[in-house]
Amino acid sequence: MNYQGIMTITSHRSIAKDVYEMVLEGDAAKYITTAGQFINIKINDSMTPYLRRPMSICDYNDHMIKLIYKVVGQGTKLLSQKRVGETLDCLTGLGHGFEEMDGHEAVVIGGGLGVPPMYKTAKALLEKGIKVTAVLGFNSAEDVFYVDEFKALCPTYVATMDGTVGTKGNVIDVINNEGITFDHYYTCGPLPMLNALARTYPENGYLSYEARMGCGFGACMGCSMKVKGHPYKRVCVEGPVFKSEEVIIDG
């Protein structure tokens, strides 16, 4: 069920280069039910672009939503200037997240701004008694965040493309080099990373996709993607999480 409500900023801090953690409190949090769902925020400023901003959710409970976002344009720049005590108009309960959690051993894989939703996903898997390993990928040391938070939950490995932290290379290099075993994987990140994972591990994967969303609840069809066995699915409604067996790999 989707819900629109006002939430109050109770914490807001910088955690990496151009990356911020924001904590919101309010009744709208009750409508987030699954790790991997997202929130759509209206930034209450007269200069703000018309469309809401979709944000992945790092953590939540029945009164709190924690977001991690990066400043990449006008909307997120305005969001970064918000202060504790200010309010935001939020749409919550959006999308289908990582709903299928089974097996005995899982790896959660986050790339860049795909790291945040994997935090709550790791917690949800652990609550089901599943052994979890985390693999986090970034471009460079200045982009790294939330490693200690993941380490507090489970064994955690880091890859950076320039080798300034952890393994030099990508998340698949880490999995191979460290001999990480799993029967299911859960991931969110840039499209080239998702394509590489689906190509390397075509079964038992759950991939969360990013897309340009006009509305966030399926009306505009702007975030449609082609999948096997269907003409199209909407990332904001049928997704953002899709099974590795159904995705069509580009390139």
C-alpha atoms as a PDB file:
ATOM      1  CA  MET A   1       0.000   0.000   0.000  1.00  0.00           C
ATOM      2  CA  ASN A   2       1.321   3.432  -0.943  1.00  0.00           C
ATOM      3  CA  TYR A   3       1.105   6.241   1.577  1.00  0.00           C
ATOM      4  CA  GLN A   4       1.800   9.966   1.379  1.00  0.00           C
ATOM      5  CA  GLY A   5       2.815  11.745   4.563  1.00  0.00           C
ATOM      6  CA  ILE A   6       5.027  14.369   6.141  1.00  0.00           C
ATOM      7  CA  MET A   7       8.240  13.194   7.767  1.00  0.00           C
ATOM      8  CA  THR A   8      10.647  15.147   9.955  1.00  0.00           C
ATOM      9  CA  ILE A   9      14.419  15.175   9.527  1.00  0.00           C
ATOM     10  CA  THR A  10      15.989  14.036  12.807  1.00  0.00           C
ATOM     11  CA  SER A  11      19.569  13.492  11.614  1.00  0.00           C
ATOM     12  CA  HIS A  12      21.507  14.627   8.543  1.00  0.00           C
ATOM     13  CA  ARG A  13      25.242  14.205   8.050  1.00  0.00           C
ATOM     14  CA  SER A  14      27.951  13.843   5.413  1.00  0.00           C
ATOM     15  CA  ILE A  15      29.495  10.343   5.308  1.00  0.00           C
ATOM     16  CA  ALA A  16      31.657  10.454   2.141  1.00  0.00           C
ATOM     17  CA  LYS A  17      32.418  12.764  -0.762  1.00  0.00           C
ATOM     18  CA  ASP A  18      29.038  14.265  -1.791  1.00  0.00           C
ATOM     19  CA  VAL A  19      27.255  11.439   0.088  1.00  0.00           C
ATOM     20  CA  TYR A  20      24.820  12.098   2.943  1.00  0.00           C
ATOM     21  CA  GLU A  21      22.902  10.046   5.479  1.00  0.00           C
ATOM     22  CA  MET A  22      19.446  11.358   6.413  1.00  0.00           C
ATOM     23  CA  VAL A  23      17.090   9.984   9.050  1.00  0.00           C
ATOM     24  CA  LEU A  24      13.372  10.754   8.768  1.00  0.00           C
ATOM     25  CA  GLU A  25      10.705  10.084  11.375  1.00  0.00           C
ATOM     26  CA  GLY A  26       6.942   9.916  10.937  1.00  0.00           C
ATOM     27  CA  ASP A  27       3.951   7.654  10.370  1.00  0.00           C
ATOM     28  CA  ALA A  28       4.830   7.152   6.693  1.00  0.00           C
ATOM     29  CA  ALA A  29       7.566   4.752   7.826  1.00  0.00           C
ATOM     30  CA  LYS A  30       4.913   2.173   8.772  1.00  0.00           C
ATOM     31  CA  TYR A  31       4.192   1.531   5.097  1.00  0.00           C
ATOM     32  CA  ILE A  32       7.681   0.283   4.292  1.00  0.00           C
ATOM     33  CA  THR A  33       7.445  -3.482   4.670  1.00  0.00           C
ATOM     34  CA  THR A  34      10.309  -5.032   2.690  1.00  0.00           C
ATOM     35  CA  ALA A  35      14.028  -4.397   2.307  1.00  0.00           C
ATOM     36  CA  GLY A  36      14.631  -3.009  -1.183  1.00  0.00           C
ATOM     37  CA  GLN A  37      11.533  -0.834  -1.406  1.00  0.00           C
ATOM     38  CA  PHE A  38      12.034   2.877  -2.073  1.00  0.00           C
ATOM     39  CA  ILE A  39      10.689   6.273  -1.067  1.00  0.00           C
ATOM     40  CA  ASN A  40       9.726   9.207  -3.302  1.00  0.00           C
ATOM     41  CA  ILE A  41      10.480  12.638  -1.843  1.00  0.00           C
ATOM     42  CA  LYS A  42       9.070  16.046  -2.717  1.00  0.00           C
ATOM     43  CA  ILE A  43      11.680  18.603  -1.776  1.00  0.00           C
ATOM     44  CA  ASN A  44       9.656  21.486  -0.409  1.00  0.00           C
ATOM     45  CA  ASP A  45      11.347  24.377  -2.136  1.00  0.00           C
ATOM     46  CA  SER A  46      10.004  26.728  -4.788  1.00  0.00           C
ATOM     47  CA  MET A  47      13.148  26.176  -6.881  1.00  0.00           C
ATOM     48  CA  THR A  48      12.836  22.390  -6.809  1.00  0.00           C
ATOM     49  CA  PRO A  49      12.190  20.591 -10.106  1.00  0.00           C
ATOM     50  CA  TYR A  50       8.642  19.292 -10.502  1.00  0.00           C
ATOM     51  CA  LEU A  51       9.284  15.567 -10.151  1.00  0.00           C
ATOM     52  CA  ARG A  52       9.795  13.858  -6.808  1.00  0.00           C
ATOM     53  CA  ARG A  53      13.144  12.221  -6.087  1.00  0.00           C
ATOM     54  CA  PRO A  54      13.175   8.411  -5.693  1.00  0.00           C
ATOM     55  CA  MET A  55      15.549   7.228  -2.959  1.00  0.00           C
ATOM     56  CA  SER A  56      16.544   3.740  -1.881  1.00  0.00           C
ATOM     57  CA  ILE A  57      16.123   2.929   1.805  1.00  0.00           C
ATOM     58  CA  CYS A  58      19.116   1.964   3.921  1.00  0.00           C
ATOM     59  CA  ASP A  59      17.195   1.011   7.056  1.00  0.00           C
ATOM     60  CA  TYR A  60      13.741   1.415   8.576  1.00  0.00           C
ATOM     61  CA  ASN A  61      11.376   0.531  11.379  1.00  0.00           C
ATOM     62  CA  ASP A  62       7.767   1.503  12.083  1.00  0.00           C
ATOM     63  CA  HIS A  63       8.629   5.149  12.819  1.00  0.00           C
ATOM     64  CA  MET A  64      11.987   5.785  11.080  1.00  0.00           C
ATOM     65  CA  ILE A  65      13.451   5.686   7.570  1.00  0.00           C
ATOM     66  CA  LYS A  66      17.190   6.065   6.971  1.00  0.00           C
ATOM     67  CA  LEU A  67      18.331   7.234   3.543  1.00  0.00           C
ATOM     68  CA  ILE A  68      21.762   7.545   1.950  1.00  0.00           C
ATOM     69  CA  TYR A  69      22.000   9.671  -1.170  1.00  0.00           C
ATOM     70  CA  LYS A  70      24.578  11.411  -3.330  1.00  0.00           C
ATOM     71  CA  VAL A  71      24.461  14.976  -4.590  1.00  0.00           C
ATOM     72  CA  VAL A  72      24.286  14.653  -8.374  1.00  0.00           C
ATOM     73  CA  GLY A  73      21.985  17.499  -9.459  1.00  0.00           C
ATOM     74  CA  GLN A  74      19.794  20.387  -8.394  1.00  0.00           C
ATOM     75  CA  GLY A  75      17.275  18.316  -6.445  1.00  0.00           C
ATOM     76  CA  THR A  76      19.804  16.396  -4.349  1.00  0.00           C
ATOM     77  CA  LYS A  77      21.839  19.571  -3.799  1.00  0.00           C
ATOM     78  CA  LEU A  78      18.753  21.228  -2.317  1.00  0.00           C
ATOM     79  CA  LEU A  79      18.126  18.120  -0.235  1.00  0.00           C
ATOM     80  CA  SER A  80      21.669  18.280   1.152  1.00  0.00           C
ATOM     81  CA  GLN A  81      20.931  21.772   2.467  1.00  0.00           C
ATOM     82  CA  LYS A  82      17.980  20.625   4.571  1.00  0.00           C
ATOM     83  CA  ARG A  83      18.439  20.834   8.312  1.00  0.00           C
ATOM     84  CA  VAL A  84      17.310  18.794  11.303  1.00  0.00           C
ATOM     85  CA  GLY A  85      13.745  19.744  12.207  1.00  0.00           C
ATOM     86  CA  GLU A  86      12.635  20.495   8.654  1.00  0.00           C
ATOM     87  CA  THR A  87       9.985  18.301   7.039  1.00  0.00           C
ATOM     88  CA  LEU A  88       9.625  16.473   3.731  1.00  0.00           C
ATOM     89  CA  ASP A  89       6.543  15.262   1.859  1.00  0.00           C
ATOM     90  CA  CYS A  90       7.145  11.544   1.221  1.00  0.00           C
ATOM     91  CA  LEU A  91       5.521   8.721  -0.719  1.00  0.00           C
ATOM     92  CA  THR A  92       6.325   5.402   0.921  1.00  0.00           C
ATOM     93  CA  GLY A  93       5.511   1.724   0.431  1.00  0.00           C
ATOM     94  CA  LEU A  94       6.758   1.888  -3.146  1.00  0.00           C
ATOM     95  CA  GLY A  95       7.996  -1.032  -5.225  1.00  0.00           C
ATOM     96  CA  HIS A  96       8.625  -4.704  -4.572  1.00  0.00           C
ATOM     97  CA  GLY A  97      11.865  -5.333  -2.730  1.00  0.00           C
ATOM     98  CA  PHE A  98      13.840  -8.439  -1.798  1.00  0.00           C
ATOM     99  CA  GLU A  99      10.780 -10.493  -0.899  1.00  0.00           C
ATOM    100  CA  GLU A 100      12.191 -13.980  -1.477  1.00  0.00           C
ATOM    101  CA  MET A 101      14.751 -14.881   1.160  1.00  0.00           C
ATOM    102  CA  ASP A 102      15.633 -18.537   1.515  1.00  0.00           C
ATOM    103  CA  GLY A 103      18.590 -20.881   1.331  1.00  0.00           C
ATOM    104  CA  HIS A 104      21.405 -21.223   3.841  1.00  0.00           C
ATOM    105  CA  GLU A 105      24.144 -18.909   2.628  1.00  0.00           C
ATOM    106  CA  ALA A 106      23.778 -15.549   0.880  1.00  0.00           C
ATOM    107  CA  VAL A 107      25.976 -12.744  -0.345  1.00  0.00           C
ATOM    108  CA  VAL A 108      24.726  -9.166  -0.494  1.00  0.00           C
ATOM    109  CA  ILE A 109      26.496  -7.078  -3.122  1.00  0.00           C
ATOM    110  CA  GLY A 110      26.316  -3.296  -3.281  1.00  0.00           C
ATOM    111  CA  GLY A 111      27.956  -1.003  -5.788  1.00  0.00           C
ATOM    112  CA  GLY A 112      28.279   2.715  -5.002  1.00  0.00           C
ATOM    113  CA  LEU A 113      24.840   4.128  -4.262  1.00  0.00           C
ATOM    114  CA  GLY A 114      23.533   0.563  -4.481  1.00  0.00           C
ATOM    115  CA  VAL A 115      25.169  -0.129  -1.108  1.00  0.00           C
ATOM    116  CA  PRO A 116      22.445   1.419   1.138  1.00  0.00           C
ATOM    117  CA  PRO A 117      19.539  -0.989   0.439  1.00  0.00           C
ATOM    118  CA  MET A 118      21.846  -3.941   0.976  1.00  0.00           C
ATOM    119  CA  TYR A 119      22.273  -2.955   4.628  1.00  0.00           C
ATOM    120  CA  LYS A 120      18.652  -3.624   5.540  1.00  0.00           C
ATOM    121  CA  THR A 121      18.666  -6.647   3.235  1.00  0.00           C
ATOM    122  CA  ALA A 122      21.597  -8.128   5.164  1.00  0.00           C
ATOM    123  CA  LYS A 123      19.745  -7.545   8.447  1.00  0.00           C
ATOM    124  CA  ALA A 124      16.585  -9.182   7.087  1.00  0.00           C
ATOM    125  CA  LEU A 125      18.518 -12.250   5.864  1.00  0.00           C
ATOM    126  CA  LEU A 126      20.281 -12.622   9.201  1.00  0.00           C
ATOM    127  CA  GLU A 127      16.948 -12.458  11.012  1.00  0.00           C
ATOM    128  CA  LYS A 128      15.887 -15.506   8.984  1.00  0.00           C
ATOM    129  CA  GLY A 129      18.939 -17.443  10.130  1.00  0.00           C
ATOM    130  CA  ILE A 130      20.757 -17.203   6.789  1.00  0.00           C
ATOM    131  CA  LYS A 131      24.549 -16.855   6.800  1.00  0.00           C
ATOM    132  CA  VAL A 132      25.448 -13.557   5.111  1.00  0.00           C
ATOM    133  CA  THR A 133      28.590 -12.117   3.550  1.00  0.00           C
ATOM    134  CA  ALA A 134      28.727  -8.556   2.200  1.00  0.00           C
ATOM    135  CA  VAL A 135      30.736  -7.328  -0.787  1.00  0.00           C
ATOM    136  CA  LEU A 136      30.817  -3.577  -1.375  1.00  0.00           C
ATOM    137  CA  GLY A 137      32.227  -1.918  -4.485  1.00  0.00           C
ATOM    138  CA  PHE A 138      33.354   1.696  -4.926  1.00  0.00           C
ATOM    139  CA  ASN A 139      35.486   3.703  -7.329  1.00  0.00           C
ATOM    140  CA  SER A 140      38.008   5.005  -4.804  1.00  0.00           C
ATOM    141  CA  ALA A 141      38.724   5.474  -1.091  1.00  0.00           C
ATOM    142  CA  GLU A 142      36.969   8.857  -1.048  1.00  0.00           C
ATOM    143  CA  ASP A 143      33.720   7.161  -2.117  1.00  0.00           C
ATOM    144  CA  VAL A 144      33.698   4.443   0.563  1.00  0.00           C
ATOM    145  CA  PHE A 145      31.001   4.495   3.248  1.00  0.00           C
ATOM    146  CA  TYR A 146      29.170   2.194   5.687  1.00  0.00           C
ATOM    147  CA  VAL A 147      31.868  -0.477   5.802  1.00  0.00           C
ATOM    148  CA  ASP A 148      32.002  -0.495   9.613  1.00  0.00           C
ATOM    149  CA  GLU A 149      28.214  -0.740   9.795  1.00  0.00           C
ATOM    150  CA  PHE A 150      28.265  -3.813   7.556  1.00  0.00           C
ATOM    151  CA  LYS A 151      31.171  -5.346   9.490  1.00  0.00           C
ATOM    152  CA  ALA A 152      29.058  -5.098  12.642  1.00  0.00           C
ATOM    153  CA  LEU A 153      26.545  -7.395  10.918  1.00  0.00           C
ATOM    154  CA  CYS A 154      28.586  -9.896   8.920  1.00  0.00           C
ATOM    155  CA  PRO A 155      31.943 -10.609   7.190  1.00  0.00           C
ATOM    156  CA  THR A 156      32.457  -7.705   4.780  1.00  0.00           C
ATOM    157  CA  TYR A 157      34.810  -7.208   1.836  1.00  0.00           C
ATOM    158  CA  VAL A 158      35.506  -4.057  -0.166  1.00  0.00           C
ATOM    159  CA  ALA A 159      36.599  -3.522  -3.756  1.00  0.00           C
ATOM    160  CA  THR A 160      37.770  -0.247  -5.261  1.00  0.00           C
ATOM    161  CA  MET A 161      38.545   0.221  -8.913  1.00  0.00           C
ATOM    162  CA  ASP A 162      41.819   2.035  -8.144  1.00  0.00           C
ATOM    163  CA  GLY A 163      42.842  -0.280  -5.306  1.00  0.00           C
ATOM    164  CA  THR A 164      42.969   2.431  -2.634  1.00  0.00           C
ATOM    165  CA  VAL A 165      40.807   0.308  -0.297  1.00  0.00           C
ATOM    166  CA  GLY A 166      40.436  -3.468  -0.233  1.00  0.00           C
ATOM    167  CA  THR A 167      40.735  -5.462  -3.443  1.00  0.00           C
ATOM    168  CA  LYS A 168      41.677  -3.648  -6.626  1.00  0.00           C
ATOM    169  CA  GLY A 169      38.947  -4.414  -9.124  1.00  0.00           C
ATOM    170  CA  ASN A 170      35.249  -5.127  -8.956  1.00  0.00           C
ATOM    171  CA  VAL A 171      32.883  -7.110  -6.746  1.00  0.00           C
ATOM    172  CA  ILE A 172      33.250 -10.281  -8.827  1.00  0.00           C
ATOM    173  CA  ASP A 173      37.028 -10.094  -8.337  1.00  0.00           C
ATOM    174  CA  VAL A 174      36.421 -10.039  -4.573  1.00  0.00           C
ATOM    175  CA  ILE A 175      34.085 -13.038  -4.707  1.00  0.00           C
ATOM    176  CA  ASN A 176      36.635 -15.019  -6.706  1.00  0.00           C
ATOM    177  CA  ASN A 177      39.723 -13.920  -4.760  1.00  0.00           C
ATOM    178  CA  GLU A 178      38.188 -14.505  -1.342  1.00  0.00           C
ATOM    179  CA  GLY A 179      36.480 -17.784  -2.284  1.00  0.00           C
ATOM    180  CA  ILE A 180      33.092 -16.499  -1.123  1.00  0.00           C
ATOM    181  CA  THR A 181      30.420 -19.175  -1.381  1.00  0.00           C
ATOM    182  CA  PHE A 182      26.662 -18.658  -1.536  1.00  0.00           C
ATOM    183  CA  ASP A 183      23.469 -20.273  -2.750  1.00  0.00           C
ATOM    184  CA  HIS A 184      21.671 -16.945  -3.370  1.00  0.00           C
ATOM    185  CA  TYR A 185      22.851 -13.419  -4.054  1.00  0.00           C
ATOM    186  CA  TYR A 186      21.137 -10.068  -3.574  1.00  0.00           C
ATOM    187  CA  THR A 187      22.462  -6.956  -5.253  1.00  0.00           C
ATOM    188  CA  CYS A 188      21.934  -3.307  -6.156  1.00  0.00           C
ATOM    189  CA  GLY A 189      24.225  -1.023  -8.109  1.00  0.00           C
ATOM    190  CA  PRO A 190      25.063   0.432 -11.515  1.00  0.00           C
ATOM    191  CA  LEU A 191      23.795  -1.378 -14.596  1.00  0.00           C
ATOM    192  CA  PRO A 192      27.223  -2.654 -15.789  1.00  0.00           C
ATOM    193  CA  MET A 193      27.713  -4.316 -12.394  1.00  0.00           C
ATOM    194  CA  LEU A 194      24.259  -5.906 -12.473  1.00  0.00           C
ATOM    195  CA  ASN A 195      24.831  -7.146 -16.018  1.00  0.00           C
ATOM    196  CA  ALA A 196      28.173  -8.666 -15.036  1.00  0.00           C
ATOM    197  CA  LEU A 197      26.654 -10.423 -12.032  1.00  0.00           C
ATOM    198  CA  ALA A 198      23.688 -11.787 -13.994  1.00  0.00           C
ATOM    199  CA  ARG A 199      26.052 -13.015 -16.705  1.00  0.00           C
ATOM    200  CA  THR A 200      28.413 -14.666 -14.229  1.00  0.00           C
ATOM    201  CA  TYR A 201      25.719 -16.006 -11.900  1.00  0.00           C
ATOM    202  CA  PRO A 202      22.572 -16.478 -14.018  1.00  0.00           C
ATOM    203  CA  GLU A 203      20.617 -18.342 -11.316  1.00  0.00           C
ATOM    204  CA  ASN A 204      19.453 -17.636  -7.767  1.00  0.00           C
ATOM    205  CA  GLY A 205      20.083 -13.912  -7.945  1.00  0.00           C
ATOM    206  CA  TYR A 206      17.904 -10.936  -7.048  1.00  0.00           C
ATOM    207  CA  LEU A 207      18.901  -7.686  -8.707  1.00  0.00           C
ATOM    208  CA  SER A 208      17.626  -4.222  -7.800  1.00  0.00           C
ATOM    209  CA  TYR A 209      17.569  -1.782 -10.712  1.00  0.00           C
ATOM    210  CA  GLU A 210      17.705   1.981 -10.838  1.00  0.00           C
ATOM    211  CA  ALA A 211      15.624   3.873 -13.384  1.00  0.00           C
ATOM    212  CA  ARG A 212      14.336   7.338 -14.189  1.00  0.00           C
ATOM    213  CA  MET A 213      10.928   7.463 -12.541  1.00  0.00           C
ATOM    214  CA  GLY A 214       8.320  10.042 -13.400  1.00  0.00           C
ATOM    215  CA  CYS A 215       5.689   9.100 -10.828  1.00  0.00           C
ATOM    216  CA  GLY A 216       6.963   6.188  -8.734  1.00  0.00           C
ATOM    217  CA  PHE A 217       3.736   4.163  -8.786  1.00  0.00           C
ATOM    218  CA  GLY A 218       3.388   2.904 -12.360  1.00  0.00           C
ATOM    219  CA  ALA A 219       1.155   5.479 -14.023  1.00  0.00           C
ATOM    220  CA  CYS A 220       3.605   7.103 -16.417  1.00  0.00           C
ATOM    221  CA  MET A 221       5.373   3.925 -17.687  1.00  0.00           C
ATOM    222  CA  GLY A 222       8.613   5.931 -17.839  1.00  0.00           C
ATOM    223  CA  CYS A 223      10.689   3.311 -16.025  1.00  0.00           C
ATOM    224  CA  SER A 224       9.630   0.244 -18.048  1.00  0.00           C
ATOM    225  CA  MET A 225      12.274  -2.376 -18.813  1.00  0.00           C
ATOM    226  CA  LYS A 226      12.162  -5.439 -21.011  1.00  0.00           C
ATOM    227  CA  VAL A 227      12.387  -8.831 -19.288  1.00  0.00           C
ATOM    228  CA  LYS A 228      12.169 -12.432 -20.428  1.00  0.00           C
ATOM    229  CA  GLY A 229       8.636 -13.698 -20.927  1.00  0.00           C
ATOM    230  CA  HIS A 230       7.017 -10.234 -20.691  1.00  0.00           C
ATOM    231  CA  PRO A 231       6.892  -7.282 -23.074  1.00  0.00           C
ATOM    232  CA  TYR A 232       7.871  -4.914 -20.248  1.00  0.00           C
ATOM    233  CA  LYS A 233       7.824  -4.532 -16.490  1.00  0.00           C
ATOM    234  CA  ARG A 234       7.850  -1.276 -14.556  1.00  0.00           C
ATOM    235  CA  VAL A 235      10.834  -0.820 -12.262  1.00  0.00           C
ATOM    236  CA  CYS A 236       8.755   1.227  -9.824  1.00  0.00           C
ATOM    237  CA  VAL A 237       5.918  -1.325  -9.472  1.00  0.00           C
ATOM    238  CA  GLU A 238       6.940  -4.829 -10.543  1.00  0.00           C
ATOM    239  CA  GLY A 239      10.504  -3.969  -9.454  1.00  0.00           C
ATOM    240  CA  PRO A 240      12.893  -2.570  -8.533  1.00  0.00           C
ATOM    241  CA  VAL A 241      13.977  -6.136  -7.702  1.00  0.00           C
ATOM    242  CA  PHE A 242      13.997  -8.743 -10.475  1.00  0.00           C
ATOM    243  CA  LYS A 243      15.193 -12.348 -10.557  1.00  0.00           C
ATOM    244  CA  SER A 244      18.439 -13.017 -12.397  1.00  0.00           C
ATOM    245  CA  GLU A 245      16.653 -15.646 -14.505  1.00  0.00           C
ATOM    246  CA  GLU A 246      14.299 -13.044 -16.011  1.00  0.00           C
ATOM    247  CA  VAL A 247      16.613 -10.117 -16.745  1.00  0.00           C
ATOM    248  CA  ILE A 248      17.894  -9.382 -20.226  1.00  0.00           C
ATOM    249  CA  ILE A 249      21.596  -8.597 -20.174  1.00  0.00           C
ATOM    250  CA  ASP A 250      22.724  -5.647 -22.265  1.00  0.00           C
ATOM    251  CA  GLY A 251      25.954  -5.875 -24.184  1.00  0.00           C
END
